[in-house]
């Protein structure tokens, strides 16, 4: 017996993707705080940027990888008096205003900084800071340098602090790994975008509950003890599971 594609996907030669979601994660709360679903699994993340911009508030700080480093998204955040720390995309056009200067060292390498100018889509100029981290150890892609763009003023954060904040962005990767491992957030299916997105969002809600439980434990026993000795996997296993037909579930 074989499983066939749904009718909507029969004209697509590429592997069908059951939708996609762009998630905002708060590293202080250690939980996802917003999700932007898209039924077209082949759409680019950038097609959702306008939806994301509608949630930006004054004095927010947004940290993201280079796919988000576009003139439109940068100017959108800047225009709302919010801030960003983005890894520089190679296609971002800019003009150097000052030469690079040494700005200290972090755990991952030497830090340098310079001022640059970027024009938004309306040709209005934005003066930004460009941070370069000369890595002690190359990335898995073989890169020796990481370039970071930010609109944060120097009095708000040093170049070293900005480099450390960007490095902390990887906590969202840990969250998605836990979502997949603990809650089976990505259902193996040939299509059905609405169902796949709904299932993913249910997993996000469950992950938020897990984050609240761990935060409560941290308040009593300390963050280090909970993060190093308590298994999120086994806590997640205590959540009610409708597929389990024991007395505790069915009554």
C-alpha atoms as a PDB file:
ATOM      1  CA  UNK A   1       0.000   0.000   0.000  1.00  0.00           C
ATOM      2  CA  UNK A   2       1.422   3.401  -0.953  1.00  0.00           C
ATOM      3  CA  UNK A   3       0.662   6.914   0.224  1.00  0.00           C
ATOM      4  CA  UNK A   4      -0.272   9.351  -2.556  1.00  0.00           C
ATOM      5  CA  UNK A   5       0.180  13.085  -2.745  1.00  0.00           C
ATOM      6  CA  UNK A   6      -2.843  15.229  -2.092  1.00  0.00           C
ATOM      7  CA  UNK A   7      -4.312  16.830  -5.206  1.00  0.00           C
ATOM      8  CA  UNK A   8      -2.831  20.285  -4.511  1.00  0.00           C
ATOM      9  CA  UNK A   9       0.710  18.869  -4.626  1.00  0.00           C
ATOM     10  CA  UNK A  10       0.515  16.638  -7.698  1.00  0.00           C
ATOM     11  CA  UNK A  11       1.686  19.384 -10.039  1.00  0.00           C
ATOM     12  CA  UNK A  12       4.817  20.127  -8.012  1.00  0.00           C
ATOM     13  CA  UNK A  13       7.916  18.155  -8.990  1.00  0.00           C
ATOM     14  CA  UNK A  14       9.922  19.189  -5.926  1.00  0.00           C
ATOM     15  CA  UNK A  15       9.590  17.401  -2.620  1.00  0.00           C
ATOM     16  CA  UNK A  16       6.422  18.711  -0.961  1.00  0.00           C
ATOM     17  CA  UNK A  17       6.885  20.695   2.246  1.00  0.00           C
ATOM     18  CA  UNK A  18       3.987  20.886   4.731  1.00  0.00           C
ATOM     19  CA  UNK A  19       4.208  24.618   5.323  1.00  0.00           C
ATOM     20  CA  UNK A  20       6.743  26.527   7.387  1.00  0.00           C
ATOM     21  CA  UNK A  21       6.803  28.784  10.416  1.00  0.00           C
ATOM     22  CA  UNK A  22       9.008  31.672  11.473  1.00  0.00           C
ATOM     23  CA  UNK A  23       9.337  31.793  15.255  1.00  0.00           C
ATOM     24  CA  UNK A  24      10.396  34.628  17.572  1.00  0.00           C
ATOM     25  CA  UNK A  25      12.284  33.379  20.631  1.00  0.00           C
ATOM     26  CA  UNK A  26      12.943  35.373  23.812  1.00  0.00           C
ATOM     27  CA  UNK A  27      16.355  34.343  25.239  1.00  0.00           C
ATOM     28  CA  UNK A  28      15.562  35.941  28.608  1.00  0.00           C
ATOM     29  CA  UNK A  29      12.281  34.065  29.043  1.00  0.00           C
ATOM     30  CA  UNK A  30      13.811  31.056  27.238  1.00  0.00           C
ATOM     31  CA  UNK A  31      10.668  30.421  25.275  1.00  0.00           C
ATOM     32  CA  UNK A  32       9.050  31.199  21.904  1.00  0.00           C
ATOM     33  CA  UNK A  33       6.853  34.289  22.106  1.00  0.00           C
ATOM     34  CA  UNK A  34       5.444  34.559  18.578  1.00  0.00           C
ATOM     35  CA  UNK A  35       4.986  32.458  15.459  1.00  0.00           C
ATOM     36  CA  UNK A  36       4.309  33.432  11.840  1.00  0.00           C
ATOM     37  CA  UNK A  37       2.862  30.446   9.944  1.00  0.00           C
ATOM     38  CA  UNK A  38       2.936  30.050   6.175  1.00  0.00           C
ATOM     39  CA  UNK A  39       1.124  27.288   4.308  1.00  0.00           C
ATOM     40  CA  UNK A  40       3.508  27.525   1.342  1.00  0.00           C
ATOM     41  CA  UNK A  41       6.464  25.428   2.464  1.00  0.00           C
ATOM     42  CA  UNK A  42       8.516  26.598  -0.517  1.00  0.00           C
ATOM     43  CA  UNK A  43       8.117  30.307   0.274  1.00  0.00           C
ATOM     44  CA  UNK A  44      11.135  32.275   1.466  1.00  0.00           C
ATOM     45  CA  UNK A  45      11.328  33.451   5.053  1.00  0.00           C
ATOM     46  CA  UNK A  46      11.614  36.985   3.717  1.00  0.00           C
ATOM     47  CA  UNK A  47       8.028  36.842   2.479  1.00  0.00           C
ATOM     48  CA  UNK A  48       7.014  36.917   6.163  1.00  0.00           C
ATOM     49  CA  UNK A  49       9.096  39.947   7.135  1.00  0.00           C
ATOM     50  CA  UNK A  50       6.188  42.409   6.914  1.00  0.00           C
ATOM     51  CA  UNK A  51       4.245  40.272   9.386  1.00  0.00           C
ATOM     52  CA  UNK A  52       7.225  40.234  11.730  1.00  0.00           C
ATOM     53  CA  UNK A  53       7.689  44.007  11.452  1.00  0.00           C
ATOM     54  CA  UNK A  54       4.111  44.532  12.626  1.00  0.00           C
ATOM     55  CA  UNK A  55       5.141  43.109  16.022  1.00  0.00           C
ATOM     56  CA  UNK A  56       8.272  45.250  16.482  1.00  0.00           C
ATOM     57  CA  UNK A  57       8.009  47.689  19.377  1.00  0.00           C
ATOM     58  CA  UNK A  58      10.070  50.695  20.433  1.00  0.00           C
ATOM     59  CA  UNK A  59      13.378  49.773  22.141  1.00  0.00           C
ATOM     60  CA  UNK A  60      13.115  46.104  21.111  1.00  0.00           C
ATOM     61  CA  UNK A  61      16.377  44.342  20.309  1.00  0.00           C
ATOM     62  CA  UNK A  62      16.134  41.806  17.482  1.00  0.00           C
ATOM     63  CA  UNK A  63      18.950  39.319  16.894  1.00  0.00           C
ATOM     64  CA  UNK A  64      18.993  37.177  13.770  1.00  0.00           C
ATOM     65  CA  UNK A  65      21.177  35.485  11.177  1.00  0.00           C
ATOM     66  CA  UNK A  66      22.178  36.964   7.820  1.00  0.00           C
ATOM     67  CA  UNK A  67      18.999  35.964   5.996  1.00  0.00           C
ATOM     68  CA  UNK A  68      17.253  38.765   7.907  1.00  0.00           C
ATOM     69  CA  UNK A  69      19.918  41.319   7.003  1.00  0.00           C
ATOM     70  CA  UNK A  70      18.050  43.122   4.224  1.00  0.00           C
ATOM     71  CA  UNK A  71      17.720  46.869   3.721  1.00  0.00           C
ATOM     72  CA  UNK A  72      13.934  46.659   4.003  1.00  0.00           C
ATOM     73  CA  UNK A  73      13.921  44.736   7.278  1.00  0.00           C
ATOM     74  CA  UNK A  74      16.724  46.816   8.800  1.00  0.00           C
ATOM     75  CA  UNK A  75      15.028  50.097   7.914  1.00  0.00           C
ATOM     76  CA  UNK A  76      11.682  48.755   9.132  1.00  0.00           C
ATOM     77  CA  UNK A  77      13.128  48.061  12.582  1.00  0.00           C
ATOM     78  CA  UNK A  78      15.101  51.300  12.587  1.00  0.00           C
ATOM     79  CA  UNK A  79      11.973  53.251  11.673  1.00  0.00           C
ATOM     80  CA  UNK A  80      10.193  51.936  14.774  1.00  0.00           C
ATOM     81  CA  UNK A  81      12.974  53.156  17.072  1.00  0.00           C
ATOM     82  CA  UNK A  82      13.944  49.573  17.778  1.00  0.00           C
ATOM     83  CA  UNK A  83      17.363  47.926  17.475  1.00  0.00           C
ATOM     84  CA  UNK A  84      18.900  44.917  15.749  1.00  0.00           C
ATOM     85  CA  UNK A  85      22.003  42.744  15.756  1.00  0.00           C
ATOM     86  CA  UNK A  86      22.202  40.850  12.471  1.00  0.00           C
ATOM     87  CA  UNK A  87      24.955  38.872  10.871  1.00  0.00           C
ATOM     88  CA  UNK A  88      25.847  40.739   7.698  1.00  0.00           C
ATOM     89  CA  UNK A  89      24.553  39.304   4.439  1.00  0.00           C
ATOM     90  CA  UNK A  90      27.104  39.287   1.653  1.00  0.00           C
ATOM     91  CA  UNK A  91      24.734  41.156  -0.679  1.00  0.00           C
ATOM     92  CA  UNK A  92      24.089  44.074   1.684  1.00  0.00           C
ATOM     93  CA  UNK A  93      25.390  47.258  -0.008  1.00  0.00           C
ATOM     94  CA  UNK A  94      27.183  49.678   2.304  1.00  0.00           C
ATOM     95  CA  UNK A  95      29.767  52.453   2.355  1.00  0.00           C
ATOM     96  CA  UNK A  96      32.602  52.617   4.869  1.00  0.00           C
ATOM     97  CA  UNK A  97      32.711  55.806   6.934  1.00  0.00           C
ATOM     98  CA  UNK A  98      35.600  54.936   9.252  1.00  0.00           C
ATOM     99  CA  UNK A  99      38.436  52.456   9.135  1.00  0.00           C
ATOM    100  CA  UNK A 100      38.364  49.373  11.327  1.00  0.00           C
ATOM    101  CA  UNK A 101      39.744  49.673  14.846  1.00  0.00           C
ATOM    102  CA  UNK A 102      40.555  46.998  17.397  1.00  0.00           C
ATOM    103  CA  UNK A 103      37.832  46.555  20.015  1.00  0.00           C
ATOM    104  CA  UNK A 104      39.170  43.812  22.279  1.00  0.00           C
ATOM    105  CA  UNK A 105      38.759  40.068  22.395  1.00  0.00           C
ATOM    106  CA  UNK A 106      35.979  37.598  23.208  1.00  0.00           C
ATOM    107  CA  UNK A 107      36.114  33.875  23.916  1.00  0.00           C
ATOM    108  CA  UNK A 108      35.848  33.191  20.182  1.00  0.00           C
ATOM    109  CA  UNK A 109      38.403  35.648  18.812  1.00  0.00           C
ATOM    110  CA  UNK A 110      39.542  39.230  18.234  1.00  0.00           C
ATOM    111  CA  UNK A 111      36.932  41.955  17.739  1.00  0.00           C
ATOM    112  CA  UNK A 112      37.135  44.930  15.369  1.00  0.00           C
ATOM    113  CA  UNK A 113      34.672  47.737  14.692  1.00  0.00           C
ATOM    114  CA  UNK A 114      33.959  50.410  12.101  1.00  0.00           C
ATOM    115  CA  UNK A 115      31.138  52.778  11.139  1.00  0.00           C
ATOM    116  CA  UNK A 116      29.311  52.256   7.860  1.00  0.00           C
ATOM    117  CA  UNK A 117      26.456  53.836   5.946  1.00  0.00           C
ATOM    118  CA  UNK A 118      23.530  51.896   4.453  1.00  0.00           C
ATOM    119  CA  UNK A 119      20.766  53.318   2.272  1.00  0.00           C
ATOM    120  CA  UNK A 120      17.254  51.990   2.758  1.00  0.00           C
ATOM    121  CA  UNK A 121      14.861  51.347  -0.116  1.00  0.00           C
ATOM    122  CA  UNK A 122      13.834  55.020  -0.161  1.00  0.00           C
ATOM    123  CA  UNK A 123      17.529  56.020  -0.423  1.00  0.00           C
ATOM    124  CA  UNK A 124      17.533  57.396   3.122  1.00  0.00           C
ATOM    125  CA  UNK A 125      20.900  56.846   4.807  1.00  0.00           C
ATOM    126  CA  UNK A 126      21.379  54.952   8.074  1.00  0.00           C
ATOM    127  CA  UNK A 127      24.635  55.111  10.010  1.00  0.00           C
ATOM    128  CA  UNK A 128      25.383  51.695  11.472  1.00  0.00           C
ATOM    129  CA  UNK A 129      28.168  49.854  13.263  1.00  0.00           C
ATOM    130  CA  UNK A 130      29.930  46.918  11.594  1.00  0.00           C
ATOM    131  CA  UNK A 131      31.571  44.436  13.955  1.00  0.00           C
ATOM    132  CA  UNK A 132      34.091  41.878  12.736  1.00  0.00           C
ATOM    133  CA  UNK A 133      35.098  38.877  14.825  1.00  0.00           C
ATOM    134  CA  UNK A 134      38.341  37.261  13.681  1.00  0.00           C
ATOM    135  CA  UNK A 135      37.671  33.726  14.868  1.00  0.00           C
ATOM    136  CA  UNK A 136      40.233  31.667  16.719  1.00  0.00           C
ATOM    137  CA  UNK A 137      38.587  28.592  15.212  1.00  0.00           C
ATOM    138  CA  UNK A 138      36.933  28.598  11.790  1.00  0.00           C
ATOM    139  CA  UNK A 139      33.217  27.924  11.425  1.00  0.00           C
ATOM    140  CA  UNK A 140      32.020  24.593  10.047  1.00  0.00           C
ATOM    141  CA  UNK A 141      31.693  26.404   6.692  1.00  0.00           C
ATOM    142  CA  UNK A 142      35.379  27.327   6.827  1.00  0.00           C
ATOM    143  CA  UNK A 143      34.861  31.026   7.557  1.00  0.00           C
ATOM    144  CA  UNK A 144      37.539  32.868   9.532  1.00  0.00           C
ATOM    145  CA  UNK A 145      35.547  36.065  10.106  1.00  0.00           C
ATOM    146  CA  UNK A 146      31.997  36.866  11.174  1.00  0.00           C
ATOM    147  CA  UNK A 147      30.589  40.302  10.324  1.00  0.00           C
ATOM    148  CA  UNK A 148      27.762  41.736  12.419  1.00  0.00           C
ATOM    149  CA  UNK A 149      25.637  44.801  11.644  1.00  0.00           C
ATOM    150  CA  UNK A 150      23.889  46.770  14.391  1.00  0.00           C
ATOM    151  CA  UNK A 151      22.173  50.075  14.991  1.00  0.00           C
ATOM    152  CA  UNK A 152      22.836  49.999  18.737  1.00  0.00           C
ATOM    153  CA  UNK A 153      24.785  53.060  19.925  1.00  0.00           C
ATOM    154  CA  UNK A 154      28.189  52.436  21.483  1.00  0.00           C
ATOM    155  CA  UNK A 155      27.000  53.760  24.852  1.00  0.00           C
ATOM    156  CA  UNK A 156      24.369  50.995  24.900  1.00  0.00           C
ATOM    157  CA  UNK A 157      26.688  48.097  24.061  1.00  0.00           C
ATOM    158  CA  UNK A 158      30.369  47.696  23.261  1.00  0.00           C
ATOM    159  CA  UNK A 159      31.531  45.779  20.202  1.00  0.00           C
ATOM    160  CA  UNK A 160      32.512  42.862  22.460  1.00  0.00           C
ATOM    161  CA  UNK A 161      29.039  42.820  24.041  1.00  0.00           C
ATOM    162  CA  UNK A 162      27.404  42.814  20.621  1.00  0.00           C
ATOM    163  CA  UNK A 163      29.570  39.875  19.527  1.00  0.00           C
ATOM    164  CA  UNK A 164      28.606  37.966  22.671  1.00  0.00           C
ATOM    165  CA  UNK A 165      24.913  38.741  22.193  1.00  0.00           C
ATOM    166  CA  UNK A 166      25.009  37.452  18.633  1.00  0.00           C
ATOM    167  CA  UNK A 167      26.763  34.276  19.737  1.00  0.00           C
ATOM    168  CA  UNK A 168      23.938  33.719  22.225  1.00  0.00           C
ATOM    169  CA  UNK A 169      21.503  33.560  19.303  1.00  0.00           C
ATOM    170  CA  UNK A 170      22.278  29.871  19.046  1.00  0.00           C
ATOM    171  CA  UNK A 171      19.988  29.230  22.040  1.00  0.00           C
ATOM    172  CA  UNK A 172      17.114  29.214  19.553  1.00  0.00           C
ATOM    173  CA  UNK A 173      18.756  26.279  17.746  1.00  0.00           C
ATOM    174  CA  UNK A 174      18.752  24.365  21.041  1.00  0.00           C
ATOM    175  CA  UNK A 175      15.067  25.183  21.489  1.00  0.00           C
ATOM    176  CA  UNK A 176      14.178  23.787  18.052  1.00  0.00           C
ATOM    177  CA  UNK A 177      16.210  20.658  18.721  1.00  0.00           C
ATOM    178  CA  UNK A 178      14.250  20.135  21.932  1.00  0.00           C
ATOM    179  CA  UNK A 179      10.969  20.800  20.111  1.00  0.00           C
ATOM    180  CA  UNK A 180      11.786  18.044  17.650  1.00  0.00           C
ATOM    181  CA  UNK A 181      13.104  15.592  20.236  1.00  0.00           C
ATOM    182  CA  UNK A 182      10.598  16.127  23.041  1.00  0.00           C
ATOM    183  CA  UNK A 183       7.383  16.993  21.205  1.00  0.00           C
ATOM    184  CA  UNK A 184       7.692  15.619  17.651  1.00  0.00           C
ATOM    185  CA  UNK A 185       7.034  19.114  16.281  1.00  0.00           C
ATOM    186  CA  UNK A 186       7.564  18.217  12.610  1.00  0.00           C
ATOM    187  CA  UNK A 187       5.125  15.543  11.531  1.00  0.00           C
ATOM    188  CA  UNK A 188       6.296  13.243   8.753  1.00  0.00           C
ATOM    189  CA  UNK A 189       3.689  13.831   6.063  1.00  0.00           C
ATOM    190  CA  UNK A 190       3.385  14.400   2.323  1.00  0.00           C
ATOM    191  CA  UNK A 191       1.389  17.597   2.629  1.00  0.00           C
ATOM    192  CA  UNK A 192      -1.605  18.938   4.556  1.00  0.00           C
ATOM    193  CA  UNK A 193      -0.062  22.309   5.515  1.00  0.00           C
ATOM    194  CA  UNK A 194      -2.846  23.378   7.893  1.00  0.00           C
ATOM    195  CA  UNK A 195      -2.505  20.185   9.920  1.00  0.00           C
ATOM    196  CA  UNK A 196       1.295  20.348   9.973  1.00  0.00           C
ATOM    197  CA  UNK A 197       1.331  23.993  11.088  1.00  0.00           C
ATOM    198  CA  UNK A 198      -1.332  23.309  13.717  1.00  0.00           C
ATOM    199  CA  UNK A 199       0.712  20.403  15.077  1.00  0.00           C
ATOM    200  CA  UNK A 200       3.839  22.548  15.182  1.00  0.00           C
ATOM    201  CA  UNK A 201       2.035  25.315  17.075  1.00  0.00           C
ATOM    202  CA  UNK A 202       0.699  22.799  19.594  1.00  0.00           C
ATOM    203  CA  UNK A 203       4.313  21.731  20.142  1.00  0.00           C
ATOM    204  CA  UNK A 204       5.279  25.370  20.707  1.00  0.00           C
ATOM    205  CA  UNK A 205       2.595  25.704  23.392  1.00  0.00           C
ATOM    206  CA  UNK A 206       3.829  22.520  25.068  1.00  0.00           C
ATOM    207  CA  UNK A 207       7.381  23.862  24.953  1.00  0.00           C
ATOM    208  CA  UNK A 208       6.233  27.074  26.657  1.00  0.00           C
ATOM    209  CA  UNK A 209       4.716  24.980  29.456  1.00  0.00           C
ATOM    210  CA  UNK A 210       8.022  23.117  29.773  1.00  0.00           C
ATOM    211  CA  UNK A 211       9.907  26.439  29.915  1.00  0.00           C
ATOM    212  CA  UNK A 212       7.627  27.680  32.718  1.00  0.00           C
ATOM    213  CA  UNK A 213       8.143  24.469  34.706  1.00  0.00           C
ATOM    214  CA  UNK A 214      11.926  24.713  34.343  1.00  0.00           C
ATOM    215  CA  UNK A 215      11.879  28.400  35.286  1.00  0.00           C
ATOM    216  CA  UNK A 216       9.928  27.578  38.459  1.00  0.00           C
ATOM    217  CA  UNK A 217      12.446  24.861  39.329  1.00  0.00           C
ATOM    218  CA  UNK A 218      15.318  27.279  38.701  1.00  0.00           C
ATOM    219  CA  UNK A 219      13.803  29.762  41.167  1.00  0.00           C
ATOM    220  CA  UNK A 220      13.882  27.111  43.896  1.00  0.00           C
ATOM    221  CA  UNK A 221      17.005  25.077  43.096  1.00  0.00           C
ATOM    222  CA  UNK A 222      19.130  27.455  41.012  1.00  0.00           C
ATOM    223  CA  UNK A 223      19.663  27.707  37.255  1.00  0.00           C
ATOM    224  CA  UNK A 224      22.923  25.744  37.125  1.00  0.00           C
ATOM    225  CA  UNK A 225      21.496  22.721  38.918  1.00  0.00           C
ATOM    226  CA  UNK A 226      18.359  22.563  36.754  1.00  0.00           C
ATOM    227  CA  UNK A 227      20.202  23.146  33.468  1.00  0.00           C
ATOM    228  CA  UNK A 228      22.836  20.513  34.191  1.00  0.00           C
ATOM    229  CA  UNK A 229      20.936  17.870  36.159  1.00  0.00           C
ATOM    230  CA  UNK A 230      17.288  17.983  35.076  1.00  0.00           C
ATOM    231  CA  UNK A 231      16.177  16.346  31.833  1.00  0.00           C
ATOM    232  CA  UNK A 232      13.638  18.291  29.814  1.00  0.00           C
ATOM    233  CA  UNK A 233      12.921  15.069  27.947  1.00  0.00           C
ATOM    234  CA  UNK A 234      11.665  13.272  31.033  1.00  0.00           C
ATOM    235  CA  UNK A 235       9.631  16.284  32.158  1.00  0.00           C
ATOM    236  CA  UNK A 236       8.024  16.370  28.704  1.00  0.00           C
ATOM    237  CA  UNK A 237       7.182  12.673  29.045  1.00  0.00           C
ATOM    238  CA  UNK A 238       5.012  13.542  32.046  1.00  0.00           C
ATOM    239  CA  UNK A 239       2.776  15.738  29.889  1.00  0.00           C
ATOM    240  CA  UNK A 240      -0.632  14.207  29.044  1.00  0.00           C
ATOM    241  CA  UNK A 241      -0.388  12.212  25.828  1.00  0.00           C
ATOM    242  CA  UNK A 242      -3.694  11.517  24.023  1.00  0.00           C
ATOM    243  CA  UNK A 243      -2.127   8.535  22.241  1.00  0.00           C
ATOM    244  CA  UNK A 244      -1.574   6.795  25.596  1.00  0.00           C
ATOM    245  CA  UNK A 245      -4.582   4.700  26.588  1.00  0.00           C
ATOM    246  CA  UNK A 246      -3.844   4.036  30.220  1.00  0.00           C
ATOM    247  CA  UNK A 247      -6.197   4.732  33.127  1.00  0.00           C
ATOM    248  CA  UNK A 248      -4.606   8.102  33.881  1.00  0.00           C
ATOM    249  CA  UNK A 249      -5.673   9.391  30.493  1.00  0.00           C
ATOM    250  CA  UNK A 250      -8.908   7.597  29.689  1.00  0.00           C
ATOM    251  CA  UNK A 251     -10.310   7.555  33.224  1.00  0.00           C
END
